[in-house]
Amino acid sequence: MKKMTRENRIPVSRLKASDFSTRSYEGKYVLVADDGTPVIMLRSKTVSPVMWSLKKGRFQLFFRTYGEVLNYCENHHYSFIPKGQGGS
């Protein structure tokens, strides 16, 4: 299997948040970290205590509110990809 490197990675602007939807979570936004790594913001499809999630690589974090997830993104310098370029 070919090793994934920065040079052969799919450009973040070509990713669609919906491609990362699961049975439980709907992909809403694609963000990018300072190092160029894609970060996917997902929202729960059902009313649950944990409505929002961020996925970055192998890590996944959960948040109760949209405000909490936005605050985390701001504190970690994640940038939204403009609509039509990976957004919802």
PDB file of N, CA and C in Angstrom:
ATOM      1  N   MET A   1       0.845  -1.176   0.000  1.00  0.00           N
ATOM      2  CA  MET A   1       0.000   0.000   0.000  1.00  0.00           C
ATOM      3  C   MET A   1       0.892   1.241   0.000  1.00  0.00           C
ATOM      4  N   LYS A   2       0.523   2.232  -0.806  1.00  0.00           N
ATOM      5  CA  LYS A   2       1.311   3.453  -0.934  1.00  0.00           C
ATOM      6  C   LYS A   2       1.127   4.329   0.303  1.00  0.00           C
ATOM      7  N   LYS A   3       2.233   4.838   0.836  1.00  0.00           N
ATOM      8  CA  LYS A   3       2.188   5.697   2.010  1.00  0.00           C
ATOM      9  C   LYS A   3       1.636   7.070   1.641  1.00  0.00           C
ATOM     10  N   MET A   4       0.731   7.596   2.479  1.00  0.00           N
ATOM     11  CA  MET A   4       0.132   8.910   2.249  1.00  0.00           C
ATOM     12  C   MET A   4       1.127   9.987   2.676  1.00  0.00           C
ATOM     13  N   THR A   5       1.432  10.894   1.761  1.00  0.00           N
ATOM     14  CA  THR A   5       2.321  12.013   2.053  1.00  0.00           C
ATOM     15  C   THR A   5       1.607  13.303   1.683  1.00  0.00           C
ATOM     16  N   ARG A   6       2.200  14.423   2.058  1.00  0.00           N
ATOM     17  CA  ARG A   6       1.602  15.715   1.700  1.00  0.00           C
ATOM     18  C   ARG A   6       1.470  15.881   0.196  1.00  0.00           C
ATOM     19  N   GLU A   7       2.430  15.343  -0.521  1.00  0.00           N
ATOM     20  CA  GLU A   7       2.445  15.507  -1.970  1.00  0.00           C
ATOM     21  C   GLU A   7       1.328  14.735  -2.668  1.00  0.00           C
ATOM     22  N   ASN A   8       0.935  13.580  -2.139  1.00  0.00           N
ATOM     23  CA  ASN A   8      -0.098  12.789  -2.826  1.00  0.00           C
ATOM     24  C   ASN A   8      -1.443  12.829  -2.110  1.00  0.00           C
ATOM     25  N   ARG A   9      -1.601  13.731  -1.152  1.00  0.00           N
ATOM     26  CA  ARG A   9      -2.854  13.902  -0.430  1.00  0.00           C
ATOM     27  C   ARG A   9      -3.879  14.631  -1.298  1.00  0.00           C
ATOM     28  N   ILE A  10      -5.153  14.288  -1.166  1.00  0.00           N
ATOM     29  CA  ILE A  10      -6.219  15.005  -1.868  1.00  0.00           C
ATOM     30  C   ILE A  10      -6.296  16.413  -1.279  1.00  0.00           C
ATOM     31  N   PRO A  11      -6.358  17.446  -2.104  1.00  0.00           N
ATOM     32  CA  PRO A  11      -6.445  18.814  -1.576  1.00  0.00           C
ATOM     33  C   PRO A  11      -7.690  18.969  -0.689  1.00  0.00           C
ATOM     34  N   VAL A  12      -7.517  19.634   0.443  1.00  0.00           N
ATOM     35  CA  VAL A  12      -8.614  19.820   1.391  1.00  0.00           C
ATOM     36  C   VAL A  12      -9.806  20.482   0.712  1.00  0.00           C
ATOM     37  N   SER A  13      -9.564  21.380  -0.211  1.00  0.00           N
ATOM     38  CA  SER A  13     -10.656  22.094  -0.878  1.00  0.00           C
ATOM     39  C   SER A  13     -11.536  21.165  -1.723  1.00  0.00           C
ATOM     40  N   ARG A  14     -11.062  19.966  -2.025  1.00  0.00           N
ATOM     41  CA  ARG A  14     -11.854  19.017  -2.825  1.00  0.00           C
ATOM     42  C   ARG A  14     -12.660  18.050  -1.950  1.00  0.00           C
ATOM     43  N   LEU A  15     -12.443  18.079  -0.639  1.00  0.00           N
ATOM     44  CA  LEU A  15     -13.181  17.192   0.257  1.00  0.00           C
ATOM     45  C   LEU A  15     -14.589  17.723   0.491  1.00  0.00           C
ATOM     46  N   LYS A  16     -15.546  16.832   0.638  1.00  0.00           N
ATOM     47  CA  LYS A  16     -16.927  17.198   0.960  1.00  0.00           C
ATOM     48  C   LYS A  16     -17.260  16.670   2.338  1.00  0.00           C
ATOM     49  N   ALA A  17     -17.810  17.518   3.180  1.00  0.00           N
ATOM     50  CA  ALA A  17     -18.160  17.108   4.539  1.00  0.00           C
ATOM     51  C   ALA A  17     -19.117  15.922   4.521  1.00  0.00           C
ATOM     52  N   SER A  18     -20.033  15.912   3.582  1.00  0.00           N
ATOM     53  CA  SER A  18     -21.030  14.830   3.517  1.00  0.00           C
ATOM     54  C   SER A  18     -20.403  13.466   3.254  1.00  0.00           C
ATOM     55  N   ASP A  19     -19.228  13.425   2.664  1.00  0.00           N
ATOM     56  CA  ASP A  19     -18.541  12.155   2.420  1.00  0.00           C
ATOM     57  C   ASP A  19     -18.130  11.469   3.724  1.00  0.00           C
ATOM     58  N   PHE A  20     -18.122  12.206   4.820  1.00  0.00           N
ATOM     59  CA  PHE A  20     -17.700  11.671   6.107  1.00  0.00           C
ATOM     60  C   PHE A  20     -18.877  11.353   7.028  1.00  0.00           C
ATOM     61  N   SER A  21     -20.096  11.444   6.500  1.00  0.00           N
ATOM     62  CA  SER A  21     -21.282  11.119   7.298  1.00  0.00           C
ATOM     63  C   SER A  21     -21.278   9.643   7.667  1.00  0.00           C
ATOM     64  N   THR A  22     -21.870   9.347   8.829  1.00  0.00           N
ATOM     65  CA  THR A  22     -21.997   7.974   9.308  1.00  0.00           C
ATOM     66  C   THR A  22     -23.468   7.717   9.631  1.00  0.00           C
ATOM     67  N   ARG A  23     -23.749   6.536  10.167  1.00  0.00           N
ATOM     68  CA  ARG A  23     -25.133   6.240  10.588  1.00  0.00           C
ATOM     69  C   ARG A  23     -25.608   7.228  11.639  1.00  0.00           C
ATOM     70  N   SER A  24     -24.704   7.667  12.497  1.00  0.00           N
ATOM     71  CA  SER A  24     -25.075   8.508  13.631  1.00  0.00           C
ATOM     72  C   SER A  24     -24.794   9.998  13.438  1.00  0.00           C
ATOM     73  N   TYR A  25     -23.826  10.324  12.588  1.00  0.00           N
ATOM     74  CA  TYR A  25     -23.421  11.721  12.434  1.00  0.00           C
ATOM     75  C   TYR A  25     -23.423  12.140  10.967  1.00  0.00           C
ATOM     76  N   GLU A  26     -23.835  13.396  10.755  1.00  0.00           N
ATOM     77  CA  GLU A  26     -23.874  13.992   9.414  1.00  0.00           C
ATOM     78  C   GLU A  26     -22.691  14.952   9.275  1.00  0.00           C
ATOM     79  N   GLY A  27     -21.880  14.775   8.231  1.00  0.00           N
ATOM     80  CA  GLY A  27     -20.772  15.685   7.973  1.00  0.00           C
ATOM     81  C   GLY A  27     -21.301  17.058   7.604  1.00  0.00           C
ATOM     82  N   LYS A  28     -20.885  18.098   8.323  1.00  0.00           N
ATOM     83  CA  LYS A  28     -21.402  19.444   8.090  1.00  0.00           C
ATOM     84  C   LYS A  28     -20.375  20.379   7.455  1.00  0.00           C
ATOM     85  N   TYR A  29     -19.139  20.370   7.938  1.00  0.00           N
ATOM     86  CA  TYR A  29     -18.138  21.319   7.449  1.00  0.00           C
ATOM     87  C   TYR A  29     -16.763  20.659   7.371  1.00  0.00           C
ATOM     88  N   VAL A  30     -15.974  21.148   6.425  1.00  0.00           N
ATOM     89  CA  VAL A  30     -14.563  20.778   6.344  1.00  0.00           C
ATOM     90  C   VAL A  30     -13.766  22.007   6.780  1.00  0.00           C
ATOM     91  N   LEU A  31     -12.866  21.779   7.710  1.00  0.00           N
ATOM     92  CA  LEU A  31     -11.973  22.831   8.170  1.00  0.00           C
ATOM     93  C   LEU A  31     -10.550  22.378   7.883  1.00  0.00           C
ATOM     94  N   VAL A  32      -9.612  23.271   8.062  1.00  0.00           N
ATOM     95  CA  VAL A  32      -8.202  22.903   7.859  1.00  0.00           C
ATOM     96  C   VAL A  32      -7.403  23.415   9.052  1.00  0.00           C
ATOM     97  N   ALA A  33      -6.523  22.550   9.559  1.00  0.00           N
ATOM     98  CA  ALA A  33      -5.638  22.910  10.662  1.00  0.00           C
ATOM     99  C   ALA A  33      -4.453  23.705  10.108  1.00  0.00           C
ATOM    100  N   ASP A  34      -3.707  24.334  10.993  1.00  0.00           N
ATOM    101  CA  ASP A  34      -2.529  25.117  10.583  1.00  0.00           C
ATOM    102  C   ASP A  34      -1.545  24.311   9.756  1.00  0.00           C
ATOM    103  N   ASP A  35      -1.454  23.010  10.038  1.00  0.00           N
ATOM    104  CA  ASP A  35      -0.497  22.165   9.308  1.00  0.00           C
ATOM    105  C   ASP A  35      -1.062  21.613   8.003  1.00  0.00           C
ATOM    106  N   GLY A  36      -2.285  22.041   7.634  1.00  0.00           N
ATOM    107  CA  GLY A  36      -2.903  21.604   6.388  1.00  0.00           C
ATOM    108  C   GLY A  36      -3.741  20.347   6.506  1.00  0.00           C
ATOM    109  N   THR A  37      -3.807  19.772   7.692  1.00  0.00           N
ATOM    110  CA  THR A  37      -4.595  18.558   7.913  1.00  0.00           C
ATOM    111  C   THR A  37      -6.079  18.885   7.892  1.00  0.00           C
ATOM    112  N   PRO A  38      -6.892  18.094   7.177  1.00  0.00           N
ATOM    113  CA  PRO A  38      -8.329  18.333   7.187  1.00  0.00           C
ATOM    114  C   PRO A  38      -8.951  17.971   8.533  1.00  0.00           C
ATOM    115  N   VAL A  39      -9.935  18.751   8.924  1.00  0.00           N
ATOM    116  CA  VAL A  39     -10.709  18.523  10.141  1.00  0.00           C
ATOM    117  C   VAL A  39     -12.173  18.524   9.718  1.00  0.00           C
ATOM    118  N   ILE A  40     -12.906  17.498  10.093  1.00  0.00           N
ATOM    119  CA  ILE A  40     -14.314  17.376   9.697  1.00  0.00           C
ATOM    120  C   ILE A  40     -15.201  17.649  10.903  1.00  0.00           C
ATOM    121  N   MET A  41     -16.167  18.564  10.740  1.00  0.00           N
ATOM    122  CA  MET A  41     -17.144  18.841  11.781  1.00  0.00           C
ATOM    123  C   MET A  41     -18.422  18.080  11.435  1.00  0.00           C
ATOM    124  N   LEU A  42     -18.912  17.301  12.410  1.00  0.00           N
ATOM    125  CA  LEU A  42     -20.109  16.491  12.206  1.00  0.00           C
ATOM    126  C   LEU A  42     -21.160  16.838  13.255  1.00  0.00           C
ATOM    127  N   ARG A  43     -22.433  16.636  12.901  1.00  0.00           N
ATOM    128  CA  ARG A  43     -23.547  16.871  13.822  1.00  0.00           C
ATOM    129  C   ARG A  43     -24.342  15.586  13.971  1.00  0.00           C
ATOM    130  N   SER A  44     -24.761  15.289  15.193  1.00  0.00           N
ATOM    131  CA  SER A  44     -25.539  14.093  15.468  1.00  0.00           C
ATOM    132  C   SER A  44     -26.859  14.137  14.705  1.00  0.00           C
ATOM    133  N   LYS A  45     -27.279  12.984  14.181  1.00  0.00           N
ATOM    134  CA  LYS A  45     -28.551  12.895  13.460  1.00  0.00           C
ATOM    135  C   LYS A  45     -29.728  12.761  14.417  1.00  0.00           C
ATOM    136  N   THR A  46     -29.456  12.475  15.665  1.00  0.00           N
ATOM    137  CA  THR A  46     -30.514  12.357  16.667  1.00  0.00           C
ATOM    138  C   THR A  46     -30.226  13.318  17.809  1.00  0.00           C
ATOM    139  N   VAL A  47     -31.262  13.626  18.558  1.00  0.00           N
ATOM    140  CA  VAL A  47     -31.076  14.464  19.739  1.00  0.00           C
ATOM    141  C   VAL A  47     -30.351  13.617  20.776  1.00  0.00           C
ATOM    142  N   SER A  48     -29.182  14.059  21.135  1.00  0.00           N
ATOM    143  CA  SER A  48     -28.394  13.339  22.129  1.00  0.00           C
ATOM    144  C   SER A  48     -27.608  14.359  22.934  1.00  0.00           C
ATOM    145  N   PRO A  49     -27.074  13.945  24.064  1.00  0.00           N
ATOM    146  CA  PRO A  49     -26.284  14.896  24.850  1.00  0.00           C
ATOM    147  C   PRO A  49     -25.037  15.381  24.109  1.00  0.00           C
ATOM    148  N   VAL A  50     -24.548  14.584  23.175  1.00  0.00           N
ATOM    149  CA  VAL A  50     -23.334  14.945  22.434  1.00  0.00           C
ATOM    150  C   VAL A  50     -23.721  15.186  20.980  1.00  0.00           C
ATOM    151  N   MET A  51     -24.008  16.447  20.652  1.00  0.00           N
ATOM    152  CA  MET A  51     -24.541  16.786  19.332  1.00  0.00           C
ATOM    153  C   MET A  51     -23.470  16.993  18.264  1.00  0.00           C
ATOM    154  N   TRP A  52     -22.260  17.384  18.649  1.00  0.00           N
ATOM    155  CA  TRP A  52     -21.232  17.766  17.683  1.00  0.00           C
ATOM    156  C   TRP A  52     -19.958  16.953  17.858  1.00  0.00           C
ATOM    157  N   SER A  53     -19.246  16.765  16.761  1.00  0.00           N
ATOM    158  CA  SER A  53     -18.007  16.001  16.779  1.00  0.00           C
ATOM    159  C   SER A  53     -17.014  16.605  15.792  1.00  0.00           C
ATOM    160  N   LEU A  54     -15.743  16.506  16.131  1.00  0.00           N
ATOM    161  CA  LEU A  54     -14.661  16.887  15.223  1.00  0.00           C
ATOM    162  C   LEU A  54     -13.799  15.660  14.993  1.00  0.00           C
ATOM    163  N   LYS A  55     -13.427  15.432  13.737  1.00  0.00           N
ATOM    164  CA  LYS A  55     -12.514  14.339  13.396  1.00  0.00           C
ATOM    165  C   LYS A  55     -11.287  14.947  12.732  1.00  0.00           C
ATOM    166  N   LYS A  56     -10.132  14.565  13.247  1.00  0.00           N
ATOM    167  CA  LYS A  56      -8.863  14.997  12.650  1.00  0.00           C
ATOM    168  C   LYS A  56      -7.948  13.779  12.678  1.00  0.00           C
ATOM    169  N   GLY A  57      -7.694  13.232  11.518  1.00  0.00           N
ATOM    170  CA  GLY A  57      -6.885  12.022  11.457  1.00  0.00           C
ATOM    171  C   GLY A  57      -7.583  10.892  12.187  1.00  0.00           C
ATOM    172  N   ARG A  58      -6.884  10.284  13.113  1.00  0.00           N
ATOM    173  CA  ARG A  58      -7.446   9.163  13.880  1.00  0.00           C
ATOM    174  C   ARG A  58      -8.187   9.614  15.130  1.00  0.00           C
ATOM    175  N   PHE A  59      -8.172  10.905  15.429  1.00  0.00           N
ATOM    176  CA  PHE A  59      -8.766  11.407  16.655  1.00  0.00           C
ATOM    177  C   PHE A  59     -10.164  11.939  16.408  1.00  0.00           C
ATOM    178  N   GLN A  60     -11.039  11.735  17.391  1.00  0.00           N
ATOM    179  CA  GLN A  60     -12.389  12.260  17.318  1.00  0.00           C
ATOM    180  C   GLN A  60     -12.757  12.827  18.684  1.00  0.00           C
ATOM    181  N   LEU A  61     -13.243  14.064  18.683  1.00  0.00           N
ATOM    182  CA  LEU A  61     -13.662  14.742  19.905  1.00  0.00           C
ATOM    183  C   LEU A  61     -15.154  15.000  19.830  1.00  0.00           C
ATOM    184  N   PHE A  62     -15.816  15.091  20.992  1.00  0.00           N
ATOM    185  CA  PHE A  62     -17.258  15.300  21.047  1.00  0.00           C
ATOM    186  C   PHE A  62     -17.575  16.522  21.889  1.00  0.00           C
ATOM    187  N   PHE A  63     -18.636  17.246  21.478  1.00  0.00           N
ATOM    188  CA  PHE A  63     -19.036  18.487  22.138  1.00  0.00           C
ATOM    189  C   PHE A  63     -20.552  18.517  22.292  1.00  0.00           C
ATOM    190  N   ARG A  64     -21.013  19.151  23.364  1.00  0.00           N
ATOM    191  CA  ARG A  64     -22.452  19.246  23.620  1.00  0.00           C
ATOM    192  C   ARG A  64     -23.126  20.326  22.772  1.00  0.00           C
ATOM    193  N   THR A  65     -22.430  21.429  22.513  1.00  0.00           N
ATOM    194  CA  THR A  65     -23.062  22.539  21.792  1.00  0.00           C
ATOM    195  C   THR A  65     -22.206  22.990  20.610  1.00  0.00           C
ATOM    196  N   TYR A  66     -22.865  23.680  19.687  1.00  0.00           N
ATOM    197  CA  TYR A  66     -22.170  24.255  18.531  1.00  0.00           C
ATOM    198  C   TYR A  66     -21.165  25.305  18.999  1.00  0.00           C
ATOM    199  N   GLY A  67     -21.534  26.069  20.020  1.00  0.00           N
ATOM    200  CA  GLY A  67     -20.636  27.078  20.572  1.00  0.00           C
ATOM    201  C   GLY A  67     -19.340  26.473  21.094  1.00  0.00           C
ATOM    202  N   GLU A  68     -19.442  25.316  21.765  1.00  0.00           N
ATOM    203  CA  GLU A  68     -18.254  24.648  22.289  1.00  0.00           C
ATOM    204  C   GLU A  68     -17.326  24.197  21.163  1.00  0.00           C
ATOM    205  N   VAL A  69     -17.905  23.638  20.110  1.00  0.00           N
ATOM    206  CA  VAL A  69     -17.070  23.163  19.004  1.00  0.00           C
ATOM    207  C   VAL A  69     -16.435  24.345  18.270  1.00  0.00           C
ATOM    208  N   LEU A  70     -17.169  25.440  18.110  1.00  0.00           N
ATOM    209  CA  LEU A  70     -16.591  26.633  17.467  1.00  0.00           C
ATOM    210  C   LEU A  70     -15.458  27.211  18.309  1.00  0.00           C
ATOM    211  N   ASN A  71     -15.645  27.242  19.621  1.00  0.00           N
ATOM    212  CA  ASN A  71     -14.612  27.748  20.519  1.00  0.00           C
ATOM    213  C   ASN A  71     -13.348  26.890  20.416  1.00  0.00           C
ATOM    214  N   TYR A  72     -13.524  25.580  20.386  1.00  0.00           N
ATOM    215  CA  TYR A  72     -12.377  24.675  20.241  1.00  0.00           C
ATOM    216  C   TYR A  72     -11.650  24.945  18.919  1.00  0.00           C
ATOM    217  N   CYS A  73     -12.414  25.077  17.846  1.00  0.00           N
ATOM    218  CA  CYS A  73     -11.816  25.333  16.526  1.00  0.00           C
ATOM    219  C   CYS A  73     -11.039  26.646  16.520  1.00  0.00           C
ATOM    220  N   GLU A  74     -11.605  27.655  17.139  1.00  0.00           N
ATOM    221  CA  GLU A  74     -10.936  28.953  17.193  1.00  0.00           C
ATOM    222  C   GLU A  74      -9.639  28.859  18.013  1.00  0.00           C
ATOM    223  N   ASN A  75      -9.708  28.198  19.159  1.00  0.00           N
ATOM    224  CA  ASN A  75      -8.526  28.065  20.025  1.00  0.00           C
ATOM    225  C   ASN A  75      -7.415  27.250  19.384  1.00  0.00           C
ATOM    226  N   HIS A  76      -7.776  26.359  18.464  1.00  0.00           N
ATOM    227  CA  HIS A  76      -6.779  25.519  17.804  1.00  0.00           C
ATOM    228  C   HIS A  76      -6.467  25.994  16.375  1.00  0.00           C
ATOM    229  N   HIS A  77      -6.970  27.175  16.033  1.00  0.00           N
ATOM    230  CA  HIS A  77      -6.679  27.829  14.751  1.00  0.00           C
ATOM    231  C   HIS A  77      -7.110  26.995  13.550  1.00  0.00           C
ATOM    232  N   TYR A  78      -8.283  26.359  13.653  1.00  0.00           N
ATOM    233  CA  TYR A  78      -8.852  25.653  12.505  1.00  0.00           C
ATOM    234  C   TYR A  78      -9.626  26.659  11.675  1.00  0.00           C
ATOM    235  N   SER A  79      -9.453  26.603  10.361  1.00  0.00           N
ATOM    236  CA  SER A  79     -10.125  27.545   9.449  1.00  0.00           C
ATOM    237  C   SER A  79     -11.178  26.823   8.637  1.00  0.00           C
ATOM    238  N   PHE A  80     -12.336  27.466   8.481  1.00  0.00           N
ATOM    239  CA  PHE A  80     -13.382  26.898   7.624  1.00  0.00           C
ATOM    240  C   PHE A  80     -12.968  27.003   6.167  1.00  0.00           C
ATOM    241  N   ILE A  81     -13.320  25.993   5.382  1.00  0.00           N
ATOM    242  CA  ILE A  81     -13.129  26.038   3.940  1.00  0.00           C
ATOM    243  C   ILE A  81     -14.331  26.789   3.383  1.00  0.00           C
ATOM    244  N   PRO A  82     -14.131  27.744   2.463  1.00  0.00           N
ATOM    245  CA  PRO A  82     -15.258  28.506   1.923  1.00  0.00           C
ATOM    246  C   PRO A  82     -16.338  27.591   1.345  1.00  0.00           C
ATOM    247  N   LYS A  83     -17.604  28.022   1.469  1.00  0.00           N
ATOM    248  CA  LYS A  83     -18.732  27.246   0.952  1.00  0.00           C
ATOM    249  C   LYS A  83     -18.519  26.913  -0.509  1.00  0.00           C
ATOM    250  N   GLY A  84     -18.858  25.695  -0.863  1.00  0.00           N
ATOM    251  CA  GLY A  84     -18.642  25.225  -2.217  1.00  0.00           C
ATOM    252  C   GLY A  84     -17.276  24.561  -2.387  1.00  0.00           C
ATOM    253  N   GLN A  85     -16.436  24.702  -1.381  1.00  0.00           N
ATOM    254  CA  GLN A  85     -15.114  24.083  -1.409  1.00  0.00           C
ATOM    255  C   GLN A  85     -14.957  23.205  -0.167  1.00  0.00           C
ATOM    256  N   GLY A  86     -15.875  22.263   0.013  1.00  0.00           N
ATOM    257  CA  GLY A  86     -15.772  21.364   1.148  1.00  0.00           C
ATOM    258  C   GLY A  86     -16.770  21.647   2.239  1.00  0.00           C
ATOM    259  N   GLY A  87     -17.451  22.782   2.188  1.00  0.00           N
ATOM    260  CA  GLY A  87     -18.456  23.090   3.206  1.00  0.00           C
ATOM    261  C   GLY A  87     -19.691  22.248   3.017  1.00  0.00           C
ATOM    262  N   SER A  88     -20.730  22.590   3.758  1.00  0.00           N
ATOM    263  CA  SER A  88     -21.952  21.776   3.707  1.00  0.00           C
ATOM    264  C   SER A  88     -22.673  21.891   2.387  1.00  0.00           C
TER     265      SER A  88
END
